[in-house]
Amino acid sequence: MTDILRGLPEPPPAGAGALPEGTFAGTAVLVTGGGTGLGRAMAVEFARLGADLVIASREREHLDQGEAAIKEAGGRVLAVECDIRDPAGIAAAFDAAVEAFGLPGVLVNNAAANFPVPAEDMSPNAWRTVVDITLNGTFFCAREFARRHMAAGTPGSIINVGASYAWTGGPGFAHSAAAKAGVKNMVETLAVEWGPYGIQVNGLVPGMFPHEDMTADIKGNLDRTNDKDACQPAMRVGRPRELGWAATFLASPYARFVAGHTLVVDGANWQRRSLTNPPVVTVRDQMGKGRFQP
């Protein structure tokens, strides 16, 4: 290759931001799955801009990690244990948030479940679990948020974290791809239903953002890729703070007329196509599984 490939420039350093200081001062932000990974990265950026954070997770250890990171960024934080499959548990988490900081003005539906499995091997329980957490849980949280704002007559902003295979399908991830397609559709539906009440609904899709809390399947995919940057049109992977900046913009006063939109932050990777198709390798072969045995 004779061309000099530089890719997309690196972002500003951690701690920098495009929004004014104090953009979210006096605003509570609830982030599901906000204790680790990209959920924590988004929560930290909201905290840097003055928000009070409520992070929800089923795992106490995850909450402790998120709490420490948010405090380090100078934010106030409440960590609540919550299983988003349980509407009563979600209501209790909102009650705790209201008592601590007032009704959250922003909800980031980040919690999800996922793992790779050939569709023919997928158990009914595996299907139900992923759909229940990723799709049903997202809806239950959004509904609780909207109901409370409708009753109070106050505006609010919801961000549903999605995935690019909501458009393309995801071989090896039939359960998650179907659920994320539902999440994307939910963004478009609820934005129309709830816009008249002042409730803004958008989606946010992360690309490849390596971080210390990646799931085993993502770590395995990265380990099998010799050069991650060269596999991205941007010639680099994303930095977690870049997703945080996107989330804070979507929920900010500067994006009030952006609604029903899903923003993909992945350096155009999901749109990449080859001039010639590589040989087809089945999901089973990619995962090192033998022939299917009923």
C-alpha atoms as a PDB file:
ATOM      1  CA  MET A   1       0.000   0.000   0.000  1.00  0.00           C
ATOM      2  CA  THR A   2       1.633   3.227  -1.175  1.00  0.00           C
ATOM      3  CA  ASP A   3      -0.766   5.778   0.330  1.00  0.00           C
ATOM      4  CA  ILE A   4       0.042   7.236   3.723  1.00  0.00           C
ATOM      5  CA  LEU A   5      -2.839   6.244   6.002  1.00  0.00           C
ATOM      6  CA  ARG A   6      -3.210   8.497   8.988  1.00  0.00           C
ATOM      7  CA  GLY A   7      -6.811   7.778   9.957  1.00  0.00           C
ATOM      8  CA  LEU A   8      -8.925  10.039  12.139  1.00  0.00           C
ATOM      9  CA  PRO A   9      -7.056  12.284  14.593  1.00  0.00           C
ATOM     10  CA  GLU A  10      -6.941  11.479  18.287  1.00  0.00           C
ATOM     11  CA  PRO A  11      -9.529  13.272  20.450  1.00  0.00           C
ATOM     12  CA  PRO A  12      -8.685  15.940  23.030  1.00  0.00           C
ATOM     13  CA  PRO A  13      -7.323  14.611  26.331  1.00  0.00           C
ATOM     14  CA  ALA A  14      -9.449  13.148  29.092  1.00  0.00           C
ATOM     15  CA  GLY A  15     -11.124  15.863  31.100  1.00  0.00           C
ATOM     16  CA  ALA A  16     -11.647  18.133  28.107  1.00  0.00           C
ATOM     17  CA  GLY A  17     -15.142  18.844  26.839  1.00  0.00           C
ATOM     18  CA  ALA A  18     -17.126  20.850  24.316  1.00  0.00           C
ATOM     19  CA  LEU A  19     -19.970  21.789  26.649  1.00  0.00           C
ATOM     20  CA  PRO A  20     -19.737  24.639  29.165  1.00  0.00           C
ATOM     21  CA  GLU A  21     -18.761  23.854  32.722  1.00  0.00           C
ATOM     22  CA  GLY A  22     -21.814  23.207  34.853  1.00  0.00           C
ATOM     23  CA  THR A  23     -24.046  22.254  31.904  1.00  0.00           C
ATOM     24  CA  PHE A  24     -25.732  19.622  34.080  1.00  0.00           C
ATOM     25  CA  ALA A  25     -25.468  21.386  37.429  1.00  0.00           C
ATOM     26  CA  GLY A  26     -28.601  20.694  39.448  1.00  0.00           C
ATOM     27  CA  THR A  27     -29.534  17.759  37.191  1.00  0.00           C
ATOM     28  CA  ALA A  28     -29.623  14.152  38.347  1.00  0.00           C
ATOM     29  CA  VAL A  29     -28.613  11.545  35.765  1.00  0.00           C
ATOM     30  CA  LEU A  30     -29.477   7.856  36.155  1.00  0.00           C
ATOM     31  CA  VAL A  31     -27.229   5.426  34.279  1.00  0.00           C
ATOM     32  CA  THR A  32     -28.090   1.728  34.267  1.00  0.00           C
ATOM     33  CA  GLY A  33     -24.997  -0.441  34.134  1.00  0.00           C
ATOM     34  CA  GLY A  34     -23.132   2.697  35.149  1.00  0.00           C
ATOM     35  CA  GLY A  35     -20.570   1.034  37.381  1.00  0.00           C
ATOM     36  CA  THR A  36     -18.242  -0.365  34.760  1.00  0.00           C
ATOM     37  CA  GLY A  37     -17.123  -0.056  31.165  1.00  0.00           C
ATOM     38  CA  LEU A  38     -18.780   2.389  28.830  1.00  0.00           C
ATOM     39  CA  GLY A  39     -21.615   3.059  31.274  1.00  0.00           C
ATOM     40  CA  ARG A  40     -19.057   4.313  33.767  1.00  0.00           C
ATOM     41  CA  ALA A  41     -17.315   6.372  31.063  1.00  0.00           C
ATOM     42  CA  MET A  42     -20.579   8.133  30.258  1.00  0.00           C
ATOM     43  CA  ALA A  43     -21.408   8.649  33.931  1.00  0.00           C
ATOM     44  CA  VAL A  44     -18.001  10.239  34.558  1.00  0.00           C
ATOM     45  CA  GLU A  45     -18.481  12.751  31.725  1.00  0.00           C
ATOM     46  CA  PHE A  46     -21.868  13.772  33.119  1.00  0.00           C
ATOM     47  CA  ALA A  47     -20.230  14.200  36.526  1.00  0.00           C
ATOM     48  CA  ARG A  48     -17.507  16.416  35.046  1.00  0.00           C
ATOM     49  CA  LEU A  49     -20.275  18.709  33.797  1.00  0.00           C
ATOM     50  CA  GLY A  50     -21.861  19.046  37.218  1.00  0.00           C
ATOM     51  CA  ALA A  51     -24.492  16.290  37.234  1.00  0.00           C
ATOM     52  CA  ASP A  52     -25.450  14.266  40.285  1.00  0.00           C
ATOM     53  CA  LEU A  53     -25.166  10.609  39.288  1.00  0.00           C
ATOM     54  CA  VAL A  54     -27.318   7.635  40.170  1.00  0.00           C
ATOM     55  CA  ILE A  55     -25.766   4.409  38.929  1.00  0.00           C
ATOM     56  CA  ALA A  56     -27.690   1.142  38.932  1.00  0.00           C
ATOM     57  CA  SER A  57     -26.381  -2.401  38.662  1.00  0.00           C
ATOM     58  CA  ARG A  58     -27.052  -5.883  39.974  1.00  0.00           C
ATOM     59  CA  GLU A  59     -23.429  -6.222  41.136  1.00  0.00           C
ATOM     60  CA  ARG A  60     -22.249  -4.435  44.274  1.00  0.00           C
ATOM     61  CA  GLU A  61     -18.634  -4.709  43.132  1.00  0.00           C
ATOM     62  CA  HIS A  62     -19.478  -2.891  39.896  1.00  0.00           C
ATOM     63  CA  LEU A  63     -21.258  -0.151  41.808  1.00  0.00           C
ATOM     64  CA  ASP A  64     -18.250   0.349  44.073  1.00  0.00           C
ATOM     65  CA  GLN A  65     -15.988   0.819  41.040  1.00  0.00           C
ATOM     66  CA  GLY A  66     -18.331   3.313  39.434  1.00  0.00           C
ATOM     67  CA  GLU A  67     -18.832   5.212  42.666  1.00  0.00           C
ATOM     68  CA  ALA A  68     -15.077   5.641  43.074  1.00  0.00           C
ATOM     69  CA  ALA A  69     -14.593   6.875  39.496  1.00  0.00           C
ATOM     70  CA  ILE A  70     -17.403   9.422  39.726  1.00  0.00           C
ATOM     71  CA  LYS A  71     -16.154  10.788  43.041  1.00  0.00           C
ATOM     72  CA  GLU A  72     -12.677  11.079  41.540  1.00  0.00           C
ATOM     73  CA  ALA A  73     -14.208  13.208  38.765  1.00  0.00           C
ATOM     74  CA  GLY A  74     -15.690  15.492  41.415  1.00  0.00           C
ATOM     75  CA  GLY A  75     -19.280  14.282  41.207  1.00  0.00           C
ATOM     76  CA  ARG A  76     -21.847  13.299  43.798  1.00  0.00           C
ATOM     77  CA  VAL A  77     -23.125   9.768  43.334  1.00  0.00           C
ATOM     78  CA  LEU A  78     -25.718   7.338  44.625  1.00  0.00           C
ATOM     79  CA  ALA A  79     -25.191   3.645  43.845  1.00  0.00           C
ATOM     80  CA  VAL A  80     -28.287   1.448  43.872  1.00  0.00           C
ATOM     81  CA  GLU A  81     -28.605  -2.285  43.353  1.00  0.00           C
ATOM     82  CA  CYS A  82     -31.277  -2.937  40.741  1.00  0.00           C
ATOM     83  CA  ASP A  83     -32.294  -5.682  38.340  1.00  0.00           C
ATOM     84  CA  ILE A  84     -33.893  -3.866  35.400  1.00  0.00           C
ATOM     85  CA  ARG A  85     -35.995  -6.927  34.570  1.00  0.00           C
ATOM     86  CA  ASP A  86     -38.054  -6.099  37.661  1.00  0.00           C
ATOM     87  CA  PRO A  87     -40.361  -3.050  37.292  1.00  0.00           C
ATOM     88  CA  ALA A  88     -40.829  -2.859  41.062  1.00  0.00           C
ATOM     89  CA  GLY A  89     -37.064  -2.775  41.558  1.00  0.00           C
ATOM     90  CA  ILE A  90     -36.782  -0.001  38.969  1.00  0.00           C
ATOM     91  CA  ALA A  91     -39.435   2.021  40.800  1.00  0.00           C
ATOM     92  CA  ALA A  92     -37.493   1.574  44.037  1.00  0.00           C
ATOM     93  CA  ALA A  93     -34.291   2.786  42.343  1.00  0.00           C
ATOM     94  CA  PHE A  94     -36.106   5.911  41.127  1.00  0.00           C
ATOM     95  CA  ASP A  95     -37.520   6.465  44.610  1.00  0.00           C
ATOM     96  CA  ALA A  96     -33.976   6.365  46.012  1.00  0.00           C
ATOM     97  CA  ALA A  97     -32.786   8.766  43.316  1.00  0.00           C
ATOM     98  CA  VAL A  98     -35.581  11.218  44.050  1.00  0.00           C
ATOM     99  CA  GLU A  99     -34.825  11.136  47.774  1.00  0.00           C
ATOM    100  CA  ALA A 100     -31.112  11.777  47.169  1.00  0.00           C
ATOM    101  CA  PHE A 101     -31.073  14.278  44.307  1.00  0.00           C
ATOM    102  CA  GLY A 102     -34.609  14.836  43.030  1.00  0.00           C
ATOM    103  CA  LEU A 103     -36.223  13.318  39.939  1.00  0.00           C
ATOM    104  CA  PRO A 104     -33.506  12.424  37.383  1.00  0.00           C
ATOM    105  CA  GLY A 105     -33.662  14.693  34.355  1.00  0.00           C
ATOM    106  CA  VAL A 106     -31.642  12.274  32.232  1.00  0.00           C
ATOM    107  CA  LEU A 107     -31.865   8.492  31.907  1.00  0.00           C
ATOM    108  CA  VAL A 108     -29.150   6.506  30.138  1.00  0.00           C
ATOM    109  CA  ASN A 109     -30.372   2.979  29.412  1.00  0.00           C
ATOM    110  CA  ASN A 110     -26.991   1.302  29.140  1.00  0.00           C
ATOM    111  CA  ALA A 111     -27.485  -2.055  30.886  1.00  0.00           C
ATOM    112  CA  ALA A 112     -27.692  -5.053  28.557  1.00  0.00           C
ATOM    113  CA  ALA A 113     -26.812  -8.723  28.304  1.00  0.00           C
ATOM    114  CA  ASN A 114     -24.914 -10.463  25.537  1.00  0.00           C
ATOM    115  CA  PHE A 115     -22.739 -13.463  24.722  1.00  0.00           C
ATOM    116  CA  PRO A 116     -21.898 -15.232  21.438  1.00  0.00           C
ATOM    117  CA  VAL A 117     -23.703 -18.459  20.563  1.00  0.00           C
ATOM    118  CA  PRO A 118     -24.779 -20.088  17.299  1.00  0.00           C
ATOM    119  CA  ALA A 119     -28.538 -19.682  16.961  1.00  0.00           C
ATOM    120  CA  GLU A 120     -29.089 -23.426  16.695  1.00  0.00           C
ATOM    121  CA  ASP A 121     -27.341 -23.940  20.041  1.00  0.00           C
ATOM    122  CA  MET A 122     -29.218 -21.193  21.858  1.00  0.00           C
ATOM    123  CA  SER A 123     -31.390 -22.362  24.732  1.00  0.00           C
ATOM    124  CA  PRO A 124     -34.811 -20.840  25.373  1.00  0.00           C
ATOM    125  CA  ASN A 125     -33.450 -19.483  28.653  1.00  0.00           C
ATOM    126  CA  ALA A 126     -30.517 -17.781  26.912  1.00  0.00           C
ATOM    127  CA  TRP A 127     -32.877 -16.117  24.444  1.00  0.00           C
ATOM    128  CA  ARG A 128     -35.285 -15.006  27.155  1.00  0.00           C
ATOM    129  CA  THR A 129     -32.551 -13.673  29.456  1.00  0.00           C
ATOM    130  CA  VAL A 130     -30.888 -11.462  26.847  1.00  0.00           C
ATOM    131  CA  VAL A 131     -34.173 -10.137  25.480  1.00  0.00           C
ATOM    132  CA  ASP A 132     -35.543  -9.611  28.987  1.00  0.00           C
ATOM    133  CA  ILE A 133     -32.593  -7.509  30.122  1.00  0.00           C
ATOM    134  CA  THR A 134     -31.751  -5.693  26.891  1.00  0.00           C
ATOM    135  CA  LEU A 135     -35.209  -4.973  25.479  1.00  0.00           C
ATOM    136  CA  ASN A 136     -37.713  -5.354  28.300  1.00  0.00           C
ATOM    137  CA  GLY A 137     -35.447  -3.751  30.894  1.00  0.00           C
ATOM    138  CA  THR A 138     -34.797  -0.765  28.664  1.00  0.00           C
ATOM    139  CA  PHE A 139     -38.523  -0.265  28.168  1.00  0.00           C
ATOM    140  CA  PHE A 140     -39.386  -0.658  31.856  1.00  0.00           C
ATOM    141  CA  CYS A 141     -36.782   1.961  32.818  1.00  0.00           C
ATOM    142  CA  ALA A 142     -37.921   4.366  30.089  1.00  0.00           C
ATOM    143  CA  ARG A 143     -41.560   3.920  31.099  1.00  0.00           C
ATOM    144  CA  GLU A 144     -40.830   4.631  34.771  1.00  0.00           C
ATOM    145  CA  PHE A 145     -38.882   7.766  33.831  1.00  0.00           C
ATOM    146  CA  ALA A 146     -41.604   9.036  31.475  1.00  0.00           C
ATOM    147  CA  ARG A 147     -44.472   8.371  33.861  1.00  0.00           C
ATOM    148  CA  ARG A 148     -42.823  10.369  36.615  1.00  0.00           C
ATOM    149  CA  HIS A 149     -42.051  13.301  34.333  1.00  0.00           C
ATOM    150  CA  MET A 150     -45.559  13.289  32.878  1.00  0.00           C
ATOM    151  CA  ALA A 151     -47.027  13.357  36.381  1.00  0.00           C
ATOM    152  CA  ALA A 152     -44.690  16.185  37.408  1.00  0.00           C
ATOM    153  CA  GLY A 153     -45.082  18.127  34.154  1.00  0.00           C
ATOM    154  CA  THR A 154     -41.302  18.334  33.711  1.00  0.00           C
ATOM    155  CA  PRO A 155     -39.100  17.720  30.645  1.00  0.00           C
ATOM    156  CA  GLY A 156     -36.517  14.956  30.446  1.00  0.00           C
ATOM    157  CA  SER A 157     -34.056  13.202  28.177  1.00  0.00           C
ATOM    158  CA  ILE A 158     -33.629   9.459  27.551  1.00  0.00           C
ATOM    159  CA  ILE A 159     -30.646   7.859  25.814  1.00  0.00           C
ATOM    160  CA  ASN A 160     -30.959   4.195  24.846  1.00  0.00           C
ATOM    161  CA  VAL A 161     -27.619   2.544  24.148  1.00  0.00           C
ATOM    162  CA  GLY A 162     -27.921   0.380  21.037  1.00  0.00           C
ATOM    163  CA  ALA A 163     -25.759  -1.625  18.651  1.00  0.00           C
ATOM    164  CA  SER A 164     -25.040  -1.350  14.937  1.00  0.00           C
ATOM    165  CA  TYR A 165     -26.305  -4.856  14.281  1.00  0.00           C
ATOM    166  CA  ALA A 166     -29.791  -3.505  14.956  1.00  0.00           C
ATOM    167  CA  TRP A 167     -29.571  -2.530  11.261  1.00  0.00           C
ATOM    168  CA  THR A 168     -27.396  -5.303   9.867  1.00  0.00           C
ATOM    169  CA  GLY A 169     -28.151  -8.373  11.971  1.00  0.00           C
ATOM    170  CA  GLY A 170     -25.475 -10.010  14.085  1.00  0.00           C
ATOM    171  CA  PRO A 171     -24.436 -13.582  13.266  1.00  0.00           C
ATOM    172  CA  GLY A 172     -23.614 -15.300  16.534  1.00  0.00           C
ATOM    173  CA  PHE A 173     -25.757 -12.789  18.427  1.00  0.00           C
ATOM    174  CA  ALA A 174     -29.309 -13.486  17.267  1.00  0.00           C
ATOM    175  CA  HIS A 175     -30.733 -12.771  20.729  1.00  0.00           C
ATOM    176  CA  SER A 176     -28.892  -9.483  21.252  1.00  0.00           C
ATOM    177  CA  ALA A 177     -29.323  -8.283  17.652  1.00  0.00           C
ATOM    178  CA  ALA A 178     -33.075  -8.834  17.817  1.00  0.00           C
ATOM    179  CA  ALA A 179     -33.283  -7.069  21.179  1.00  0.00           C
ATOM    180  CA  LYS A 180     -31.176  -4.114  20.014  1.00  0.00           C
ATOM    181  CA  ALA A 181     -33.334  -3.781  16.887  1.00  0.00           C
ATOM    182  CA  GLY A 182     -36.265  -3.441  19.272  1.00  0.00           C
ATOM    183  CA  VAL A 183     -34.361  -0.831  21.288  1.00  0.00           C
ATOM    184  CA  LYS A 184     -33.709   1.217  18.136  1.00  0.00           C
ATOM    185  CA  ASN A 185     -37.367   1.025  17.148  1.00  0.00           C
ATOM    186  CA  MET A 186     -38.314   2.015  20.671  1.00  0.00           C
ATOM    187  CA  VAL A 187     -36.261   5.207  20.300  1.00  0.00           C
ATOM    188  CA  GLU A 188     -38.210   6.185  17.192  1.00  0.00           C
ATOM    189  CA  THR A 189     -41.583   5.248  18.646  1.00  0.00           C
ATOM    190  CA  LEU A 190     -41.218   6.814  22.075  1.00  0.00           C
ATOM    191  CA  ALA A 191     -39.688  10.020  20.698  1.00  0.00           C
ATOM    192  CA  VAL A 192     -42.972  10.651  18.862  1.00  0.00           C
ATOM    193  CA  GLU A 193     -45.221   9.546  21.719  1.00  0.00           C
ATOM    194  CA  TRP A 194     -43.431  11.443  24.460  1.00  0.00           C
ATOM    195  CA  GLY A 195     -42.124  14.493  22.607  1.00  0.00           C
ATOM    196  CA  PRO A 196     -45.342  16.435  23.257  1.00  0.00           C
ATOM    197  CA  TYR A 197     -44.682  16.000  26.996  1.00  0.00           C
ATOM    198  CA  GLY A 198     -41.159  17.427  26.689  1.00  0.00           C
ATOM    199  CA  ILE A 199     -39.439  14.055  26.885  1.00  0.00           C
ATOM    200  CA  GLN A 200     -36.664  13.649  24.351  1.00  0.00           C
ATOM    201  CA  VAL A 201     -35.649  10.098  23.340  1.00  0.00           C
ATOM    202  CA  ASN A 202     -32.496   9.248  21.380  1.00  0.00           C
ATOM    203  CA  GLY A 203     -30.202   6.298  20.794  1.00  0.00           C
ATOM    204  CA  LEU A 204     -26.431   6.009  21.040  1.00  0.00           C
ATOM    205  CA  VAL A 205     -24.451   3.212  19.379  1.00  0.00           C
ATOM    206  CA  PRO A 206     -20.822   2.625  20.396  1.00  0.00           C
ATOM    207  CA  GLY A 207     -18.295   1.022  18.085  1.00  0.00           C
ATOM    208  CA  MET A 208     -15.059  -0.586  19.253  1.00  0.00           C
ATOM    209  CA  PHE A 209     -14.108   1.068  22.543  1.00  0.00           C
ATOM    210  CA  PRO A 210     -11.608  -1.196  24.334  1.00  0.00           C
ATOM    211  CA  HIS A 211     -11.760  -0.864  28.107  1.00  0.00           C
ATOM    212  CA  GLU A 212     -10.858  -2.872  31.168  1.00  0.00           C
ATOM    213  CA  ASP A 213     -14.359  -4.236  31.740  1.00  0.00           C
ATOM    214  CA  MET A 214     -14.974  -5.814  28.330  1.00  0.00           C
ATOM    215  CA  THR A 215     -16.870  -9.095  28.235  1.00  0.00           C
ATOM    216  CA  ALA A 216     -14.957 -12.303  27.572  1.00  0.00           C
ATOM    217  CA  ASP A 217     -16.268 -12.635  24.008  1.00  0.00           C
ATOM    218  CA  ILE A 218     -15.126  -9.126  23.040  1.00  0.00           C
ATOM    219  CA  LYS A 219     -11.734  -9.708  24.638  1.00  0.00           C
ATOM    220  CA  GLY A 220     -11.474 -12.953  22.692  1.00  0.00           C
ATOM    221  CA  ASN A 221     -12.288 -11.198  19.425  1.00  0.00           C
ATOM    222  CA  LEU A 222      -9.644  -8.582  20.117  1.00  0.00           C
ATOM    223  CA  ASP A 223      -7.086 -11.225  21.011  1.00  0.00           C
ATOM    224  CA  ARG A 224      -7.702 -12.894  17.636  1.00  0.00           C
ATOM    225  CA  THR A 225      -7.204  -9.600  15.783  1.00  0.00           C
ATOM    226  CA  ASN A 226      -3.546  -8.842  15.163  1.00  0.00           C
ATOM    227  CA  ASP A 227      -3.927  -5.103  14.602  1.00  0.00           C
ATOM    228  CA  LYS A 228      -7.147  -3.591  15.896  1.00  0.00           C
ATOM    229  CA  ASP A 229      -6.494  -0.121  14.475  1.00  0.00           C
ATOM    230  CA  ALA A 230      -5.891  -1.371  10.935  1.00  0.00           C
ATOM    231  CA  CYS A 231      -9.291  -3.089  11.012  1.00  0.00           C
ATOM    232  CA  GLN A 232     -11.077   0.254  11.505  1.00  0.00           C
ATOM    233  CA  PRO A 233     -11.670   2.860   8.769  1.00  0.00           C
ATOM    234  CA  ALA A 234     -10.591   5.459  11.329  1.00  0.00           C
ATOM    235  CA  MET A 235      -7.302   3.545  11.695  1.00  0.00           C
ATOM    236  CA  ARG A 236      -7.881   3.542  15.424  1.00  0.00           C
ATOM    237  CA  VAL A 237     -10.383   2.354  17.975  1.00  0.00           C
ATOM    238  CA  GLY A 238     -12.549   4.696  20.043  1.00  0.00           C
ATOM    239  CA  ARG A 239     -11.580   6.247  23.348  1.00  0.00           C
ATOM    240  CA  PRO A 240     -14.243   5.809  26.055  1.00  0.00           C
ATOM    241  CA  ARG A 241     -14.395   9.546  26.712  1.00  0.00           C
ATOM    242  CA  GLU A 242     -15.562  10.057  23.110  1.00  0.00           C
ATOM    243  CA  LEU A 243     -18.722   8.105  23.881  1.00  0.00           C
ATOM    244  CA  GLY A 244     -19.172  10.153  27.040  1.00  0.00           C
ATOM    245  CA  TRP A 245     -18.972  13.372  25.035  1.00  0.00           C
ATOM    246  CA  ALA A 246     -21.595  12.086  22.600  1.00  0.00           C
ATOM    247  CA  ALA A 247     -23.950  11.108  25.436  1.00  0.00           C
ATOM    248  CA  THR A 248     -23.623  14.421  27.240  1.00  0.00           C
ATOM    249  CA  PHE A 249     -24.277  16.322  24.013  1.00  0.00           C
ATOM    250  CA  LEU A 250     -27.445  14.345  23.214  1.00  0.00           C
ATOM    251  CA  ALA A 251     -28.856  15.016  26.681  1.00  0.00           C
ATOM    252  CA  SER A 252     -27.732  18.656  26.818  1.00  0.00           C
ATOM    253  CA  PRO A 253     -29.744  21.845  26.197  1.00  0.00           C
ATOM    254  CA  TYR A 254     -27.806  22.164  22.920  1.00  0.00           C
ATOM    255  CA  ALA A 255     -29.497  19.105  21.420  1.00  0.00           C
ATOM    256  CA  ARG A 256     -33.091  19.816  22.356  1.00  0.00           C
ATOM    257  CA  PHE A 257     -34.337  19.477  18.761  1.00  0.00           C
ATOM    258  CA  VAL A 258     -32.542  16.151  18.249  1.00  0.00           C
ATOM    259  CA  ALA A 259     -35.125  13.458  18.989  1.00  0.00           C
ATOM    260  CA  GLY A 260     -35.864  10.013  17.609  1.00  0.00           C
ATOM    261  CA  HIS A 261     -32.295   9.802  16.331  1.00  0.00           C
ATOM    262  CA  THR A 262     -29.712   7.083  16.895  1.00  0.00           C
ATOM    263  CA  LEU A 263     -26.157   8.411  16.812  1.00  0.00           C
ATOM    264  CA  VAL A 264     -23.497   5.886  15.821  1.00  0.00           C
ATOM    265  CA  VAL A 265     -20.050   6.619  17.261  1.00  0.00           C
ATOM    266  CA  ASP A 266     -17.764   4.084  15.607  1.00  0.00           C
ATOM    267  CA  GLY A 267     -15.559   5.816  13.039  1.00  0.00           C
ATOM    268  CA  ALA A 268     -17.761   4.478  10.189  1.00  0.00           C
ATOM    269  CA  ASN A 269     -16.767   0.892  10.944  1.00  0.00           C
ATOM    270  CA  TRP A 270     -20.265  -0.573  10.636  1.00  0.00           C
ATOM    271  CA  GLN A 271     -20.615   0.936   7.139  1.00  0.00           C
ATOM    272  CA  ARG A 272     -17.432  -0.631   5.817  1.00  0.00           C
ATOM    273  CA  ARG A 273     -17.783  -2.873   2.771  1.00  0.00           C
ATOM    274  CA  SER A 274     -15.231  -4.812   0.704  1.00  0.00           C
ATOM    275  CA  LEU A 275     -15.068  -4.643  -3.072  1.00  0.00           C
ATOM    276  CA  THR A 276     -14.876  -8.433  -3.080  1.00  0.00           C
ATOM    277  CA  ASN A 277     -16.391 -10.646  -0.423  1.00  0.00           C
ATOM    278  CA  PRO A 278     -14.097 -12.857   1.636  1.00  0.00           C
ATOM    279  CA  PRO A 279     -14.896 -16.585   1.890  1.00  0.00           C
ATOM    280  CA  VAL A 280     -17.841 -17.357   4.162  1.00  0.00           C
ATOM    281  CA  VAL A 281     -16.889 -18.852   7.524  1.00  0.00           C
ATOM    282  CA  THR A 282     -19.800 -20.141   9.567  1.00  0.00           C
ATOM    283  CA  VAL A 283     -20.382 -18.904  13.089  1.00  0.00           C
ATOM    284  CA  ARG A 284     -19.669 -22.403  14.372  1.00  0.00           C
ATOM    285  CA  ASP A 285     -16.280 -22.431  12.666  1.00  0.00           C
ATOM    286  CA  GLN A 286     -15.456 -18.935  13.874  1.00  0.00           C
ATOM    287  CA  MET A 287     -16.174 -20.070  17.417  1.00  0.00           C
ATOM    288  CA  GLY A 288     -14.214 -23.306  17.041  1.00  0.00           C
ATOM    289  CA  LYS A 289     -17.276 -25.506  17.506  1.00  0.00           C
ATOM    290  CA  GLY A 290     -17.702 -28.859  15.835  1.00  0.00           C
ATOM    291  CA  ARG A 291     -20.620 -30.030  13.748  1.00  0.00           C
ATOM    292  CA  PHE A 292     -24.038 -29.410  15.268  1.00  0.00           C
ATOM    293  CA  GLN A 293     -25.325 -32.388  17.199  1.00  0.00           C
ATOM    294  CA  PRO A 294     -29.086 -32.321  17.993  1.00  0.00           C
END
